[in-house]
Amino acid sequence: MQFRVWLKGLSPMVWRRVQVPSMMTLREFHGVLQVAMGWDSIHLYQFIVHTVRYGSWELTAESADIVLDDLKLSKGSRFLYEYDLNIPWEHEVRLEDRLAYAPRKRYPCCIGGDGNCPPEDSGGPQVWMERVDEALGYELDNDFSTVLEFIQEISETQSFAALKDPERAEELRETLFRIEDRKALLGRPFARRKVNERLRQDEHLTLMYQQM
């Protein structure tokens, strides 16, 4: 079964395309989506399929141990996957196709996608997009200018004397910390090869149960 999943409410779009066995359970599929999207499975989750909720037992939802094939999904069917229900990250999931099993192919697998996965506990789509805009704003330009000034001075003087001044060294250190913090706000970059490596290592089978 080939699914396309995307995070609702984000621009630019964050999406992934995965192929999974039809006999996989929704619980295992949850683990696959956690790996594919880039989440850490530290929150509750639920699927809403044909108005029925399946997911974490704490939600008094139906068991997620139901097999995907038993959901009777037709090509083009869509359903909702919610993660972190305090401020839900809503994923729309669409069944794109049912394909013949390829004997030499390892399932589950990710065959496409784009967009950074937001950091855990980043406040939901609207808050995260606002934080990203702020992180990439004029203050970032100022920080890059500060770093560039240090580089130019070191290059022109052929000396690291600037870093021997405690105040200037502290200024550079704080600037680099701010840049690193902004980088973390941008989320986890999507790398298909890395996702498939994690799936081959069965990380989805660990994440399907992990919740802290």
N, C-alpha and C. Protein backbone atom coordinates (compact mmCIF):
# COMPACT_ATOMS: atom_id res chain seq x y z
N MET A 1 0.85 -1.18 0.00
CA MET A 1 0.00 0.00 0.00
C MET A 1 0.89 1.23 0.00
N GLN A 2 0.62 2.12 -0.93
CA GLN A 2 1.42 3.34 -1.02
C GLN A 2 0.60 4.52 -0.51
N PHE A 3 1.16 5.20 0.50
CA PHE A 3 0.48 6.33 1.12
C PHE A 3 1.29 7.61 0.93
N ARG A 4 0.56 8.71 0.80
CA ARG A 4 1.18 10.03 0.85
C ARG A 4 0.62 10.73 2.08
N VAL A 5 1.52 11.26 2.89
CA VAL A 5 1.11 11.90 4.15
C VAL A 5 1.72 13.29 4.20
N TRP A 6 0.92 14.28 4.62
CA TRP A 6 1.44 15.63 4.73
C TRP A 6 0.89 16.30 5.97
N LEU A 7 1.69 17.20 6.52
CA LEU A 7 1.32 17.96 7.71
C LEU A 7 0.39 19.10 7.30
N LYS A 8 -0.76 19.17 7.91
CA LYS A 8 -1.73 20.21 7.58
C LYS A 8 -1.33 21.55 8.23
N GLY A 9 -1.63 22.63 7.53
CA GLY A 9 -1.44 23.95 8.11
C GLY A 9 -0.06 24.53 7.96
N LEU A 10 0.82 23.86 7.18
CA LEU A 10 2.19 24.37 7.02
C LEU A 10 2.44 24.82 5.59
N SER A 11 3.21 25.86 5.46
CA SER A 11 3.65 26.33 4.15
C SER A 11 5.10 26.80 4.29
N PRO A 12 6.01 26.26 3.46
CA PRO A 12 5.80 25.26 2.41
C PRO A 12 5.42 23.90 2.97
N MET A 13 4.89 23.05 2.09
CA MET A 13 4.34 21.76 2.51
C MET A 13 5.43 20.82 3.03
N VAL A 14 5.08 20.08 4.07
CA VAL A 14 5.93 19.02 4.61
C VAL A 14 5.21 17.70 4.33
N TRP A 15 5.82 16.84 3.52
CA TRP A 15 5.13 15.61 3.12
C TRP A 15 6.11 14.45 2.96
N ARG A 16 5.54 13.23 3.01
CA ARG A 16 6.31 12.01 2.80
C ARG A 16 5.45 11.01 2.01
N ARG A 17 6.14 10.12 1.28
CA ARG A 17 5.45 9.04 0.57
C ARG A 17 6.07 7.72 1.03
N VAL A 18 5.25 6.80 1.52
CA VAL A 18 5.74 5.54 2.06
C VAL A 18 5.00 4.37 1.44
N GLN A 19 5.67 3.22 1.40
CA GLN A 19 5.06 1.97 0.98
C GLN A 19 5.16 0.98 2.14
N VAL A 20 4.05 0.35 2.46
CA VAL A 20 4.00 -0.58 3.60
C VAL A 20 3.19 -1.81 3.22
N PRO A 21 3.43 -2.94 3.90
CA PRO A 21 2.63 -4.14 3.64
C PRO A 21 1.17 -3.92 4.05
N SER A 22 0.25 -4.50 3.31
CA SER A 22 -1.17 -4.33 3.62
C SER A 22 -1.55 -5.02 4.92
N MET A 23 -0.70 -5.97 5.38
CA MET A 23 -0.99 -6.68 6.63
C MET A 23 -0.35 -6.01 7.83
N MET A 24 0.21 -4.82 7.64
CA MET A 24 0.76 -4.04 8.75
C MET A 24 -0.39 -3.49 9.59
N THR A 25 -0.19 -3.40 10.89
CA THR A 25 -1.22 -2.83 11.76
C THR A 25 -1.10 -1.31 11.79
N LEU A 26 -2.16 -0.66 12.23
CA LEU A 26 -2.11 0.79 12.40
C LEU A 26 -1.06 1.20 13.41
N ARG A 27 -0.85 0.37 14.43
CA ARG A 27 0.18 0.69 15.43
C ARG A 27 1.57 0.71 14.78
N GLU A 28 1.84 -0.29 13.94
CA GLU A 28 3.12 -0.31 13.22
C GLU A 28 3.22 0.87 12.24
N PHE A 29 2.09 1.18 11.61
CA PHE A 29 2.05 2.30 10.67
C PHE A 29 2.36 3.62 11.39
N HIS A 30 1.87 3.74 12.61
CA HIS A 30 2.21 4.90 13.44
C HIS A 30 3.72 5.01 13.59
N GLY A 31 4.38 3.88 13.88
CA GLY A 31 5.84 3.88 14.00
C GLY A 31 6.53 4.29 12.72
N VAL A 32 6.00 3.80 11.58
CA VAL A 32 6.57 4.16 10.28
C VAL A 32 6.45 5.66 10.04
N LEU A 33 5.29 6.23 10.36
CA LEU A 33 5.09 7.66 10.15
C LEU A 33 5.99 8.49 11.07
N GLN A 34 6.22 8.00 12.27
CA GLN A 34 7.11 8.71 13.18
C GLN A 34 8.52 8.79 12.60
N VAL A 35 8.99 7.67 12.05
CA VAL A 35 10.33 7.66 11.44
C VAL A 35 10.35 8.51 10.18
N ALA A 36 9.35 8.34 9.32
CA ALA A 36 9.33 9.04 8.04
C ALA A 36 9.23 10.55 8.21
N MET A 37 8.36 10.98 9.12
CA MET A 37 8.18 12.42 9.32
C MET A 37 9.36 13.02 10.09
N GLY A 38 9.87 12.27 11.07
CA GLY A 38 10.98 12.77 11.88
C GLY A 38 10.61 13.06 13.32
N TRP A 39 9.44 12.55 13.77
CA TRP A 39 9.03 12.72 15.16
C TRP A 39 9.75 11.72 16.06
N ASP A 40 9.59 11.88 17.38
CA ASP A 40 10.28 11.02 18.35
C ASP A 40 9.34 10.12 19.14
N SER A 41 8.05 10.14 18.81
CA SER A 41 7.06 9.28 19.46
C SER A 41 7.03 9.45 20.98
N ILE A 42 6.98 10.71 21.42
CA ILE A 42 6.95 10.96 22.87
C ILE A 42 5.58 11.49 23.30
N HIS A 43 4.61 11.46 22.39
CA HIS A 43 3.27 11.94 22.69
C HIS A 43 2.21 10.92 22.25
N LEU A 44 0.98 11.15 22.71
CA LEU A 44 -0.12 10.29 22.30
C LEU A 44 -0.46 10.55 20.83
N TYR A 45 -1.16 9.58 20.25
CA TYR A 45 -1.52 9.70 18.84
C TYR A 45 -2.88 9.04 18.61
N GLN A 46 -3.48 9.39 17.49
CA GLN A 46 -4.69 8.69 17.07
C GLN A 46 -4.89 8.83 15.56
N PHE A 47 -5.51 7.81 14.99
CA PHE A 47 -5.97 7.83 13.60
C PHE A 47 -7.48 7.98 13.64
N ILE A 48 -8.02 8.73 12.71
CA ILE A 48 -9.47 8.82 12.58
C ILE A 48 -9.80 8.33 11.17
N VAL A 49 -10.37 7.11 11.11
CA VAL A 49 -10.68 6.46 9.84
C VAL A 49 -12.16 6.14 9.81
N HIS A 50 -12.87 6.64 8.83
CA HIS A 50 -14.32 6.40 8.73
C HIS A 50 -15.02 6.78 10.04
N THR A 51 -14.62 7.89 10.63
CA THR A 51 -15.16 8.46 11.88
C THR A 51 -14.80 7.64 13.13
N VAL A 52 -14.04 6.57 12.97
CA VAL A 52 -13.63 5.74 14.12
C VAL A 52 -12.21 6.15 14.55
N ARG A 53 -12.01 6.29 15.86
CA ARG A 53 -10.70 6.65 16.39
C ARG A 53 -9.93 5.41 16.82
N TYR A 54 -8.69 5.29 16.35
CA TYR A 54 -7.78 4.22 16.75
C TYR A 54 -6.51 4.87 17.27
N GLY A 55 -5.96 4.38 18.38
CA GLY A 55 -4.72 4.98 18.84
C GLY A 55 -4.35 4.62 20.25
N SER A 56 -3.67 5.55 20.92
CA SER A 56 -3.15 5.34 22.28
C SER A 56 -4.29 4.93 23.22
N TRP A 57 -4.02 3.94 24.05
CA TRP A 57 -5.08 3.41 24.92
C TRP A 57 -5.56 4.46 25.91
N GLU A 58 -4.69 5.44 26.25
CA GLU A 58 -5.08 6.49 27.20
C GLU A 58 -6.24 7.34 26.66
N LEU A 59 -6.45 7.30 25.36
CA LEU A 59 -7.50 8.11 24.74
C LEU A 59 -8.83 7.37 24.67
N THR A 60 -8.86 6.16 25.21
CA THR A 60 -10.05 5.28 25.11
C THR A 60 -10.48 5.13 23.65
N ALA A 61 -9.51 5.11 22.76
CA ALA A 61 -9.78 4.89 21.34
C ALA A 61 -9.78 3.39 21.06
N GLU A 62 -10.23 3.03 19.88
CA GLU A 62 -10.17 1.63 19.46
C GLU A 62 -8.71 1.20 19.33
N SER A 63 -8.47 -0.10 19.45
CA SER A 63 -7.11 -0.62 19.39
C SER A 63 -6.47 -0.33 18.03
N ALA A 64 -5.21 0.12 18.08
CA ALA A 64 -4.47 0.39 16.84
C ALA A 64 -3.86 -0.89 16.28
N ASP A 65 -4.21 -2.04 16.85
CA ASP A 65 -3.67 -3.31 16.34
C ASP A 65 -4.47 -3.84 15.15
N ILE A 66 -5.41 -3.07 14.65
CA ILE A 66 -6.16 -3.46 13.47
C ILE A 66 -5.26 -3.41 12.24
N VAL A 67 -5.42 -4.38 11.36
CA VAL A 67 -4.60 -4.47 10.14
C VAL A 67 -5.09 -3.46 9.11
N LEU A 68 -4.17 -2.85 8.40
CA LEU A 68 -4.54 -1.85 7.40
C LEU A 68 -5.54 -2.39 6.38
N ASP A 69 -5.32 -3.61 5.95
CA ASP A 69 -6.21 -4.18 4.93
C ASP A 69 -7.63 -4.32 5.44
N ASP A 70 -7.79 -4.47 6.74
CA ASP A 70 -9.13 -4.63 7.32
C ASP A 70 -9.90 -3.31 7.38
N LEU A 71 -9.23 -2.20 7.11
CA LEU A 71 -9.91 -0.90 7.11
C LEU A 71 -10.72 -0.70 5.83
N LYS A 72 -10.51 -1.58 4.84
CA LYS A 72 -11.26 -1.52 3.58
C LYS A 72 -11.09 -0.17 2.89
N LEU A 73 -9.86 0.27 2.80
CA LEU A 73 -9.58 1.55 2.15
C LEU A 73 -9.54 1.36 0.64
N SER A 74 -10.17 2.27 -0.06
CA SER A 74 -10.11 2.24 -1.51
C SER A 74 -9.08 3.25 -1.99
N LYS A 75 -8.61 3.10 -3.23
CA LYS A 75 -7.63 4.01 -3.78
C LYS A 75 -8.17 5.44 -3.73
N GLY A 76 -7.37 6.34 -3.15
CA GLY A 76 -7.79 7.72 -2.99
C GLY A 76 -8.39 8.03 -1.63
N SER A 77 -8.63 6.99 -0.81
CA SER A 77 -9.20 7.21 0.52
C SER A 77 -8.26 8.06 1.37
N ARG A 78 -8.86 8.95 2.17
CA ARG A 78 -8.08 9.81 3.05
C ARG A 78 -8.53 9.63 4.50
N PHE A 79 -7.58 9.76 5.41
CA PHE A 79 -7.92 9.74 6.82
C PHE A 79 -6.93 10.61 7.58
N LEU A 80 -7.20 10.81 8.86
CA LEU A 80 -6.42 11.74 9.67
C LEU A 80 -5.53 10.99 10.65
N TYR A 81 -4.31 11.47 10.78
CA TYR A 81 -3.38 10.97 11.79
C TYR A 81 -2.97 12.16 12.64
N GLU A 82 -3.28 12.11 13.94
CA GLU A 82 -2.96 13.20 14.85
C GLU A 82 -1.88 12.76 15.83
N TYR A 83 -0.91 13.63 16.04
CA TYR A 83 0.19 13.35 16.95
C TYR A 83 0.36 14.53 17.89
N ASP A 84 0.59 14.24 19.17
CA ASP A 84 0.69 15.26 20.23
C ASP A 84 -0.64 16.00 20.34
N LEU A 85 -1.57 15.42 21.10
CA LEU A 85 -2.93 15.92 21.09
C LEU A 85 -3.14 17.16 21.96
N ASN A 86 -2.10 17.64 22.65
CA ASN A 86 -2.24 18.91 23.38
C ASN A 86 -2.42 20.05 22.39
N ILE A 87 -1.51 20.13 21.42
CA ILE A 87 -1.65 21.05 20.29
C ILE A 87 -1.40 20.18 19.07
N PRO A 88 -2.45 19.53 18.55
CA PRO A 88 -2.28 18.45 17.57
C PRO A 88 -1.54 18.85 16.30
N TRP A 89 -0.63 17.97 15.92
CA TRP A 89 -0.07 18.03 14.57
C TRP A 89 -0.93 17.10 13.73
N GLU A 90 -1.69 17.67 12.82
CA GLU A 90 -2.61 16.89 12.01
C GLU A 90 -1.95 16.53 10.68
N HIS A 91 -1.95 15.22 10.40
CA HIS A 91 -1.41 14.72 9.14
C HIS A 91 -2.57 14.15 8.32
N GLU A 92 -2.67 14.57 7.09
CA GLU A 92 -3.65 13.96 6.20
C GLU A 92 -2.96 12.83 5.45
N VAL A 93 -3.57 11.67 5.49
CA VAL A 93 -2.98 10.47 4.89
C VAL A 93 -3.89 10.01 3.75
N ARG A 94 -3.29 9.77 2.59
CA ARG A 94 -4.09 9.33 1.44
C ARG A 94 -3.49 8.05 0.85
N LEU A 95 -4.35 7.07 0.62
CA LEU A 95 -3.92 5.85 -0.05
C LEU A 95 -3.82 6.14 -1.55
N GLU A 96 -2.59 6.15 -2.05
CA GLU A 96 -2.39 6.48 -3.47
C GLU A 96 -2.57 5.26 -4.37
N ASP A 97 -2.13 4.10 -3.89
CA ASP A 97 -2.18 2.94 -4.77
C ASP A 97 -1.97 1.65 -3.99
N ARG A 98 -2.40 0.57 -4.61
CA ARG A 98 -2.09 -0.78 -4.12
C ARG A 98 -1.21 -1.42 -5.18
N LEU A 99 -0.02 -1.78 -4.80
CA LEU A 99 0.98 -2.25 -5.75
C LEU A 99 1.32 -3.72 -5.52
N ALA A 100 1.82 -4.36 -6.57
CA ALA A 100 2.28 -5.74 -6.44
C ALA A 100 3.52 -5.78 -5.55
N TYR A 101 3.62 -6.80 -4.74
CA TYR A 101 4.77 -6.97 -3.85
C TYR A 101 6.03 -7.20 -4.68
N ALA A 102 7.08 -6.45 -4.40
CA ALA A 102 8.36 -6.60 -5.09
C ALA A 102 9.29 -7.43 -4.21
N PRO A 103 9.61 -8.67 -4.60
CA PRO A 103 10.38 -9.58 -3.75
C PRO A 103 11.72 -9.04 -3.27
N ARG A 104 12.38 -8.23 -4.08
CA ARG A 104 13.71 -7.74 -3.71
C ARG A 104 13.67 -6.42 -2.94
N LYS A 105 12.47 -5.93 -2.70
CA LYS A 105 12.32 -4.65 -2.02
C LYS A 105 12.07 -4.85 -0.54
N ARG A 106 12.64 -3.98 0.27
CA ARG A 106 12.48 -4.07 1.72
C ARG A 106 11.35 -3.14 2.14
N TYR A 107 10.37 -3.70 2.84
CA TYR A 107 9.23 -2.91 3.34
C TYR A 107 9.25 -2.90 4.86
N PRO A 108 8.79 -1.79 5.46
CA PRO A 108 8.30 -0.54 4.86
C PRO A 108 9.46 0.27 4.30
N CYS A 109 9.12 1.22 3.41
CA CYS A 109 10.15 2.08 2.84
C CYS A 109 9.55 3.45 2.52
N CYS A 110 10.42 4.41 2.46
CA CYS A 110 10.03 5.79 2.10
C CYS A 110 10.57 6.04 0.70
N ILE A 111 9.71 6.49 -0.22
CA ILE A 111 10.14 6.68 -1.60
C ILE A 111 10.12 8.15 -2.02
N GLY A 112 9.77 9.04 -1.10
CA GLY A 112 9.78 10.45 -1.45
C GLY A 112 9.38 11.32 -0.28
N GLY A 113 9.58 12.62 -0.45
CA GLY A 113 9.19 13.55 0.60
C GLY A 113 9.93 14.87 0.48
N ASP A 114 9.52 15.82 1.29
CA ASP A 114 10.17 17.12 1.30
C ASP A 114 9.73 17.88 2.56
N GLY A 115 10.59 18.77 3.01
CA GLY A 115 10.25 19.63 4.14
C GLY A 115 10.77 19.14 5.47
N ASN A 116 11.24 20.08 6.29
CA ASN A 116 11.73 19.77 7.62
C ASN A 116 10.59 19.38 8.55
N CYS A 117 10.83 18.39 9.39
CA CYS A 117 9.87 18.06 10.44
C CYS A 117 10.04 19.05 11.59
N PRO A 118 8.96 19.71 12.03
CA PRO A 118 9.08 20.65 13.15
C PRO A 118 9.63 19.97 14.40
N PRO A 119 10.29 20.71 15.27
CA PRO A 119 10.77 20.13 16.53
C PRO A 119 9.60 19.71 17.42
N GLU A 120 9.84 18.73 18.26
CA GLU A 120 8.83 18.34 19.25
C GLU A 120 8.51 19.55 20.14
N ASP A 121 7.25 19.62 20.58
CA ASP A 121 6.80 20.64 21.53
C ASP A 121 7.10 22.06 21.04
N SER A 122 6.89 22.28 19.74
CA SER A 122 7.17 23.61 19.19
C SER A 122 5.92 24.46 19.01
N GLY A 123 4.80 24.02 19.61
CA GLY A 123 3.63 24.89 19.70
C GLY A 123 2.61 24.80 18.60
N GLY A 124 2.74 23.83 17.69
CA GLY A 124 1.77 23.71 16.62
C GLY A 124 2.17 24.47 15.38
N PRO A 125 1.45 24.24 14.27
CA PRO A 125 1.85 24.81 12.97
C PRO A 125 2.03 26.32 12.96
N GLN A 126 1.05 27.08 13.46
CA GLN A 126 1.11 28.53 13.37
C GLN A 126 2.28 29.09 14.19
N VAL A 127 2.42 28.59 15.42
CA VAL A 127 3.50 29.08 16.29
C VAL A 127 4.86 28.74 15.70
N TRP A 128 4.99 27.51 15.18
CA TRP A 128 6.27 27.10 14.61
C TRP A 128 6.65 27.96 13.41
N MET A 129 5.70 28.21 12.51
CA MET A 129 6.01 29.03 11.34
C MET A 129 6.41 30.45 11.74
N GLU A 130 5.78 30.98 12.80
CA GLU A 130 6.16 32.31 13.28
C GLU A 130 7.58 32.29 13.85
N ARG A 131 7.92 31.21 14.57
CA ARG A 131 9.26 31.11 15.14
C ARG A 131 10.31 30.97 14.04
N VAL A 132 9.99 30.23 12.99
CA VAL A 132 10.93 30.08 11.87
C VAL A 132 11.16 31.44 11.20
N ASP A 133 10.08 32.18 10.98
CA ASP A 133 10.22 33.51 10.37
C ASP A 133 11.11 34.40 11.23
N GLU A 134 10.91 34.31 12.54
CA GLU A 134 11.73 35.13 13.46
C GLU A 134 13.18 34.67 13.44
N ALA A 135 13.37 33.34 13.40
CA ALA A 135 14.74 32.80 13.42
C ALA A 135 15.52 33.21 12.18
N LEU A 136 14.82 33.40 11.06
CA LEU A 136 15.48 33.75 9.81
C LEU A 136 15.43 35.26 9.53
N GLY A 137 15.04 36.05 10.52
CA GLY A 137 14.87 37.48 10.35
C GLY A 137 16.17 38.27 10.37
N TYR A 138 16.05 39.58 10.54
CA TYR A 138 17.20 40.49 10.43
C TYR A 138 18.26 40.23 11.50
N GLU A 139 17.84 39.70 12.67
CA GLU A 139 18.82 39.44 13.73
C GLU A 139 19.80 38.34 13.30
N LEU A 140 19.34 37.40 12.47
CA LEU A 140 20.24 36.38 11.94
C LEU A 140 21.29 37.03 11.04
N ASP A 141 20.87 38.00 10.23
CA ASP A 141 21.82 38.73 9.39
C ASP A 141 22.88 39.41 10.24
N ASN A 142 22.45 40.00 11.36
CA ASN A 142 23.40 40.67 12.26
C ASN A 142 24.40 39.67 12.83
N ASP A 143 23.92 38.50 13.20
CA ASP A 143 24.82 37.48 13.76
C ASP A 143 25.82 36.99 12.71
N PHE A 144 25.36 36.78 11.49
CA PHE A 144 26.27 36.36 10.43
C PHE A 144 27.31 37.45 10.15
N SER A 145 26.89 38.72 10.24
CA SER A 145 27.81 39.84 10.02
C SER A 145 28.90 39.85 11.08
N THR A 146 28.48 39.55 12.34
CA THR A 146 29.45 39.51 13.44
C THR A 146 30.49 38.42 13.20
N VAL A 147 30.02 37.24 12.80
CA VAL A 147 30.94 36.12 12.55
C VAL A 147 31.87 36.46 11.39
N LEU A 148 31.31 37.07 10.34
CA LEU A 148 32.11 37.42 9.17
C LEU A 148 33.19 38.43 9.52
N GLU A 149 32.88 39.37 10.41
CA GLU A 149 33.88 40.35 10.83
C GLU A 149 35.06 39.67 11.51
N PHE A 150 34.77 38.69 12.36
CA PHE A 150 35.85 37.95 13.02
C PHE A 150 36.70 37.21 11.99
N ILE A 151 36.04 36.56 11.04
CA ILE A 151 36.77 35.81 10.02
C ILE A 151 37.66 36.73 9.20
N GLN A 152 37.11 37.87 8.81
CA GLN A 152 37.89 38.82 8.00
C GLN A 152 39.09 39.35 8.78
N GLU A 153 38.87 39.65 10.07
CA GLU A 153 39.98 40.18 10.87
C GLU A 153 41.07 39.13 11.04
N ILE A 154 40.68 37.90 11.28
CA ILE A 154 41.67 36.83 11.44
C ILE A 154 42.42 36.62 10.13
N SER A 155 41.69 36.69 9.00
CA SER A 155 42.31 36.49 7.69
C SER A 155 43.28 37.62 7.36
N GLU A 156 42.88 38.86 7.65
CA GLU A 156 43.71 40.02 7.29
C GLU A 156 44.95 40.12 8.17
N THR A 157 44.80 39.77 9.45
CA THR A 157 45.94 39.90 10.38
C THR A 157 46.76 38.63 10.47
N GLN A 158 46.21 37.54 9.88
CA GLN A 158 46.88 36.24 9.97
C GLN A 158 47.18 35.90 11.43
N SER A 159 46.20 36.23 12.29
CA SER A 159 46.39 36.04 13.72
C SER A 159 45.04 35.81 14.40
N PHE A 160 45.06 35.02 15.48
CA PHE A 160 43.86 34.79 16.29
C PHE A 160 43.84 35.70 17.53
N ALA A 161 44.54 36.80 17.43
CA ALA A 161 44.65 37.71 18.58
C ALA A 161 43.28 38.21 19.02
N ALA A 162 42.33 38.36 18.09
CA ALA A 162 41.00 38.85 18.44
C ALA A 162 40.32 37.95 19.46
N LEU A 163 40.62 36.66 19.38
CA LEU A 163 39.98 35.71 20.29
C LEU A 163 40.64 35.67 21.66
N LYS A 164 41.78 36.36 21.79
CA LYS A 164 42.44 36.40 23.09
C LYS A 164 41.83 37.46 23.99
N ASP A 165 41.02 38.35 23.39
CA ASP A 165 40.29 39.36 24.16
C ASP A 165 39.05 38.67 24.75
N PRO A 166 38.95 38.52 26.08
CA PRO A 166 37.84 37.78 26.69
C PRO A 166 36.46 38.28 26.27
N GLU A 167 36.29 39.60 26.18
CA GLU A 167 34.98 40.16 25.83
C GLU A 167 34.61 39.83 24.39
N ARG A 168 35.57 39.94 23.49
CA ARG A 168 35.29 39.64 22.09
C ARG A 168 35.09 38.14 21.88
N ALA A 169 35.84 37.35 22.60
CA ALA A 169 35.68 35.89 22.49
C ALA A 169 34.29 35.48 22.99
N GLU A 170 33.85 36.12 24.08
CA GLU A 170 32.51 35.83 24.60
C GLU A 170 31.43 36.28 23.62
N GLU A 171 31.66 37.41 22.96
CA GLU A 171 30.70 37.90 21.96
C GLU A 171 30.55 36.88 20.83
N LEU A 172 31.67 36.36 20.36
CA LEU A 172 31.62 35.37 19.28
C LEU A 172 30.93 34.09 19.74
N ARG A 173 31.25 33.67 20.97
CA ARG A 173 30.65 32.44 21.50
C ARG A 173 29.12 32.58 21.58
N GLU A 174 28.65 33.70 22.11
CA GLU A 174 27.20 33.92 22.23
C GLU A 174 26.54 34.00 20.86
N THR A 175 27.22 34.60 19.90
CA THR A 175 26.68 34.69 18.54
C THR A 175 26.51 33.31 17.93
N LEU A 176 27.53 32.46 18.09
CA LEU A 176 27.46 31.10 17.54
C LEU A 176 26.37 30.28 18.22
N PHE A 177 26.19 30.49 19.53
CA PHE A 177 25.11 29.79 20.24
C PHE A 177 23.75 30.21 19.69
N ARG A 178 23.56 31.50 19.41
CA ARG A 178 22.29 31.98 18.87
C ARG A 178 22.02 31.38 17.49
N ILE A 179 23.06 31.30 16.67
CA ILE A 179 22.90 30.71 15.34
C ILE A 179 22.51 29.24 15.46
N GLU A 180 23.14 28.54 16.39
CA GLU A 180 22.82 27.11 16.58
C GLU A 180 21.40 26.94 17.08
N ASP A 181 20.95 27.82 17.98
CA ASP A 181 19.57 27.75 18.46
C ASP A 181 18.58 27.98 17.32
N ARG A 182 18.90 28.92 16.43
CA ARG A 182 18.02 29.18 15.30
C ARG A 182 17.98 27.97 14.36
N LYS A 183 19.11 27.33 14.19
CA LYS A 183 19.17 26.13 13.35
C LYS A 183 18.25 25.05 13.90
N ALA A 184 18.24 24.87 15.23
CA ALA A 184 17.38 23.86 15.86
C ALA A 184 15.91 24.17 15.63
N LEU A 185 15.56 25.46 15.59
CA LEU A 185 14.16 25.86 15.37
C LEU A 185 13.66 25.46 14.00
N LEU A 186 14.56 25.31 13.05
CA LEU A 186 14.15 24.99 11.68
C LEU A 186 13.66 23.55 11.55
N GLY A 187 13.91 22.72 12.55
CA GLY A 187 13.40 21.36 12.53
C GLY A 187 14.40 20.36 11.97
N ARG A 188 13.95 19.12 11.88
CA ARG A 188 14.81 18.02 11.43
C ARG A 188 14.72 17.89 9.91
N PRO A 189 15.83 18.06 9.19
CA PRO A 189 15.79 17.96 7.72
C PRO A 189 15.39 16.56 7.26
N PHE A 190 14.69 16.51 6.13
CA PHE A 190 14.30 15.22 5.56
C PHE A 190 15.43 14.66 4.70
N ALA A 191 15.80 13.41 4.97
CA ALA A 191 16.80 12.70 4.17
C ALA A 191 16.27 11.29 3.93
N ARG A 192 15.82 11.01 2.72
CA ARG A 192 15.18 9.73 2.43
C ARG A 192 16.08 8.54 2.76
N ARG A 193 17.34 8.67 2.42
CA ARG A 193 18.27 7.56 2.68
C ARG A 193 18.35 7.28 4.18
N LYS A 194 18.39 8.33 4.99
CA LYS A 194 18.47 8.16 6.44
C LYS A 194 17.18 7.53 6.97
N VAL A 195 16.03 7.97 6.45
CA VAL A 195 14.76 7.40 6.87
C VAL A 195 14.74 5.90 6.58
N ASN A 196 15.15 5.50 5.39
CA ASN A 196 15.11 4.08 5.03
C ASN A 196 16.13 3.26 5.82
N GLU A 197 17.23 3.88 6.16
CA GLU A 197 18.21 3.19 7.02
C GLU A 197 17.59 2.90 8.38
N ARG A 198 16.86 3.87 8.93
CA ARG A 198 16.20 3.67 10.23
C ARG A 198 15.09 2.62 10.13
N LEU A 199 14.37 2.62 9.02
CA LEU A 199 13.32 1.61 8.85
C LEU A 199 13.92 0.22 8.71
N ARG A 200 15.04 0.11 8.01
CA ARG A 200 15.71 -1.20 7.89
C ARG A 200 16.19 -1.69 9.24
N GLN A 201 16.49 -0.77 10.14
CA GLN A 201 16.93 -1.14 11.49
C GLN A 201 15.74 -1.36 12.43
N ASP A 202 14.53 -1.32 11.86
CA ASP A 202 13.28 -1.59 12.60
C ASP A 202 13.02 -0.57 13.71
N GLU A 203 13.46 0.66 13.53
CA GLU A 203 13.20 1.67 14.55
C GLU A 203 11.70 1.93 14.70
N HIS A 204 10.96 1.73 13.63
CA HIS A 204 9.51 1.95 13.72
C HIS A 204 8.84 1.00 14.70
N LEU A 205 9.44 -0.19 14.88
CA LEU A 205 8.87 -1.16 15.82
C LEU A 205 9.11 -0.74 17.27
N THR A 206 10.15 0.05 17.49
CA THR A 206 10.38 0.62 18.82
C THR A 206 9.49 1.83 19.04
N LEU A 207 9.42 2.71 18.05
CA LEU A 207 8.65 3.95 18.20
C LEU A 207 7.15 3.70 18.26
N MET A 208 6.68 2.57 17.75
CA MET A 208 5.23 2.34 17.76
C MET A 208 4.71 2.17 19.18
N TYR A 209 5.58 1.84 20.12
CA TYR A 209 5.20 1.69 21.52
C TYR A 209 5.68 2.84 22.39
N GLN A 210 6.72 3.55 21.94
CA GLN A 210 7.38 4.55 22.78
C GLN A 210 6.49 5.77 22.97
N GLN A 211 6.21 6.10 24.22
CA GLN A 211 5.54 7.34 24.58
C GLN A 211 6.00 7.68 25.99
N MET A 212 6.42 8.90 26.21
CA MET A 212 6.94 9.29 27.53
C MET A 212 6.03 10.34 28.15
